[in-house]
Amino acid sequence: MVRIQVPSVWNPEGRTDFEADEGPLPEVIRRFAEAYPVMRRRLLDAAGEPLLYVNVCVGDELIPRHLRRDTVVPAGATVTIIAPMAGG
């Protein structure tokens, strides 16, 4: 299992820690979003693909968008999802 951390404002109940099965990062995100429907619109597009503008860390490493498809999340790892920000 992997630990998934999300921003508290994303969940009406305030829960921030979840668990999911390990595997390729896009699959981990997809399975998590499907298991917790309140997260789906924040993590997946209409086709069910992980949104690229959401930042994702595995452990302490920010995973660049172009490397996410090839990143494998091992058992025991922590995936931190960082809410996108805009501004200027």
C-alpha atoms as a PDB file:
ATOM      1  CA  MET A   1       0.000   0.000   0.000  1.00  0.00           C
ATOM      2  CA  VAL A   2       1.003   3.623  -0.505  1.00  0.00           C
ATOM      3  CA  ARG A   3      -0.037   6.631   1.516  1.00  0.00           C
ATOM      4  CA  ILE A   4      -1.748   9.449  -0.388  1.00  0.00           C
ATOM      5  CA  GLN A   5      -1.922  12.940   1.074  1.00  0.00           C
ATOM      6  CA  VAL A   6      -4.288  15.572  -0.329  1.00  0.00           C
ATOM      7  CA  PRO A   7      -5.059  19.184   0.660  1.00  0.00           C
ATOM      8  CA  SER A   8      -7.632  19.310   3.473  1.00  0.00           C
ATOM      9  CA  VAL A   9      -9.804  21.762   1.515  1.00  0.00           C
ATOM     10  CA  TRP A  10     -10.376  19.081  -1.129  1.00  0.00           C
ATOM     11  CA  ASN A  11     -12.365  16.877   1.229  1.00  0.00           C
ATOM     12  CA  PRO A  12     -15.521  18.163   2.937  1.00  0.00           C
ATOM     13  CA  GLU A  13     -14.751  15.868   5.883  1.00  0.00           C
ATOM     14  CA  GLY A  14     -11.237  17.319   6.229  1.00  0.00           C
ATOM     15  CA  ARG A  15      -9.539  13.951   5.803  1.00  0.00           C
ATOM     16  CA  THR A  16      -6.073  14.293   4.256  1.00  0.00           C
ATOM     17  CA  ASP A  17      -4.524  10.802   4.423  1.00  0.00           C
ATOM     18  CA  PHE A  18      -5.653   7.868   2.316  1.00  0.00           C
ATOM     19  CA  GLU A  19      -4.249   4.543   1.114  1.00  0.00           C
ATOM     20  CA  ALA A  20      -4.025   3.018  -2.340  1.00  0.00           C
ATOM     21  CA  ASP A  21      -2.267   0.119  -4.028  1.00  0.00           C
ATOM     22  CA  GLU A  22       1.226   0.674  -5.371  1.00  0.00           C
ATOM     23  CA  GLY A  23       1.977   0.715  -9.106  1.00  0.00           C
ATOM     24  CA  PRO A  24       2.531   3.150 -11.971  1.00  0.00           C
ATOM     25  CA  LEU A  25       1.809   6.705 -10.792  1.00  0.00           C
ATOM     26  CA  PRO A  26      -1.044   7.370 -13.259  1.00  0.00           C
ATOM     27  CA  GLU A  27      -2.737   4.134 -12.148  1.00  0.00           C
ATOM     28  CA  VAL A  28      -2.288   4.964  -8.459  1.00  0.00           C
ATOM     29  CA  ILE A  29      -3.941   8.347  -9.026  1.00  0.00           C
ATOM     30  CA  ARG A  30      -6.710   6.848 -11.162  1.00  0.00           C
ATOM     31  CA  ARG A  31      -7.541   4.083  -8.667  1.00  0.00           C
ATOM     32  CA  PHE A  32      -7.502   6.562  -5.791  1.00  0.00           C
ATOM     33  CA  ALA A  33      -9.851   8.956  -7.614  1.00  0.00           C
ATOM     34  CA  GLU A  34     -12.223   6.122  -8.461  1.00  0.00           C
ATOM     35  CA  ALA A  35     -12.234   4.842  -4.868  1.00  0.00           C
ATOM     36  CA  TYR A  36     -12.964   8.336  -3.510  1.00  0.00           C
ATOM     37  CA  PRO A  37     -15.380  10.009  -5.957  1.00  0.00           C
ATOM     38  CA  VAL A  38     -15.123  13.382  -4.182  1.00  0.00           C
ATOM     39  CA  MET A  39     -11.527  13.519  -5.508  1.00  0.00           C
ATOM     40  CA  ARG A  40     -12.316  12.514  -9.095  1.00  0.00           C
ATOM     41  CA  ARG A  41     -13.002  15.969 -10.545  1.00  0.00           C
ATOM     42  CA  ARG A  42      -9.846  17.326  -8.923  1.00  0.00           C
ATOM     43  CA  LEU A  43      -7.566  14.593 -10.260  1.00  0.00           C
ATOM     44  CA  LEU A  44      -8.979  13.191 -13.515  1.00  0.00           C
ATOM     45  CA  ASP A  45     -10.138  14.702 -16.791  1.00  0.00           C
ATOM     46  CA  ALA A  46     -13.358  13.694 -18.576  1.00  0.00           C
ATOM     47  CA  ALA A  47     -11.565  10.730 -20.179  1.00  0.00           C
ATOM     48  CA  GLY A  48     -10.363   9.452 -16.792  1.00  0.00           C
ATOM     49  CA  GLU A  49      -6.746  10.517 -17.284  1.00  0.00           C
ATOM     50  CA  PRO A  50      -4.807  12.224 -14.465  1.00  0.00           C
ATOM     51  CA  LEU A  51      -4.755  16.003 -14.822  1.00  0.00           C
ATOM     52  CA  LEU A  52      -1.303  17.325 -15.670  1.00  0.00           C
ATOM     53  CA  TYR A  53      -1.633  20.668 -13.903  1.00  0.00           C
ATOM     54  CA  VAL A  54      -1.912  19.035 -10.470  1.00  0.00           C
ATOM     55  CA  ASN A  55       1.548  18.701  -8.910  1.00  0.00           C
ATOM     56  CA  VAL A  56       2.464  15.295  -7.517  1.00  0.00           C
ATOM     57  CA  CYS A  57       5.352  14.276  -5.263  1.00  0.00           C
ATOM     58  CA  VAL A  58       6.497  10.746  -4.549  1.00  0.00           C
ATOM     59  CA  GLY A  59       8.388  10.843  -1.291  1.00  0.00           C
ATOM     60  CA  ASP A  60      10.188  14.184  -1.284  1.00  0.00           C
ATOM     61  CA  GLU A  61      10.545  14.352  -5.073  1.00  0.00           C
ATOM     62  CA  LEU A  62       8.301  16.488  -7.276  1.00  0.00           C
ATOM     63  CA  ILE A  63       7.549  14.365 -10.340  1.00  0.00           C
ATOM     64  CA  PRO A  64       7.722  16.395 -13.569  1.00  0.00           C
ATOM     65  CA  ARG A  65       4.739  15.997 -15.883  1.00  0.00           C
ATOM     66  CA  HIS A  66       6.794  14.316 -18.604  1.00  0.00           C
ATOM     67  CA  LEU A  67       8.031  11.617 -16.185  1.00  0.00           C
ATOM     68  CA  ARG A  68       4.755  10.716 -14.482  1.00  0.00           C
ATOM     69  CA  ARG A  69       3.774   8.002 -16.939  1.00  0.00           C
ATOM     70  CA  ASP A  70       7.060   6.165 -16.273  1.00  0.00           C
ATOM     71  CA  THR A  71       7.141   6.674 -12.491  1.00  0.00           C
ATOM     72  CA  VAL A  72       6.373   3.604 -10.382  1.00  0.00           C
ATOM     73  CA  VAL A  73       5.211   4.141  -6.806  1.00  0.00           C
ATOM     74  CA  PRO A  74       6.588   1.391  -4.555  1.00  0.00           C
ATOM     75  CA  ALA A  75       4.834  -0.063  -1.526  1.00  0.00           C
ATOM     76  CA  GLY A  76       5.371   2.097   1.544  1.00  0.00           C
ATOM     77  CA  ALA A  77       5.854   5.323  -0.418  1.00  0.00           C
ATOM     78  CA  THR A  78       3.951   8.554   0.175  1.00  0.00           C
ATOM     79  CA  VAL A  79       2.277  10.361  -2.726  1.00  0.00           C
ATOM     80  CA  THR A  80       1.540  14.001  -1.969  1.00  0.00           C
ATOM     81  CA  ILE A  81      -0.899  15.820  -4.219  1.00  0.00           C
ATOM     82  CA  ILE A  82      -0.434  19.585  -4.287  1.00  0.00           C
ATOM     83  CA  ALA A  83      -3.359  21.777  -5.263  1.00  0.00           C
ATOM     84  CA  PRO A  84      -2.693  23.842  -8.390  1.00  0.00           C
ATOM     85  CA  MET A  85      -2.229  27.566  -7.898  1.00  0.00           C
ATOM     86  CA  ALA A  86      -2.660  30.418 -10.321  1.00  0.00           C
ATOM     87  CA  GLY A  87      -1.752  34.022 -10.114  1.00  0.00           C
ATOM     88  CA  GLY A  88       0.447  36.616 -11.543  1.00  0.00           C
END
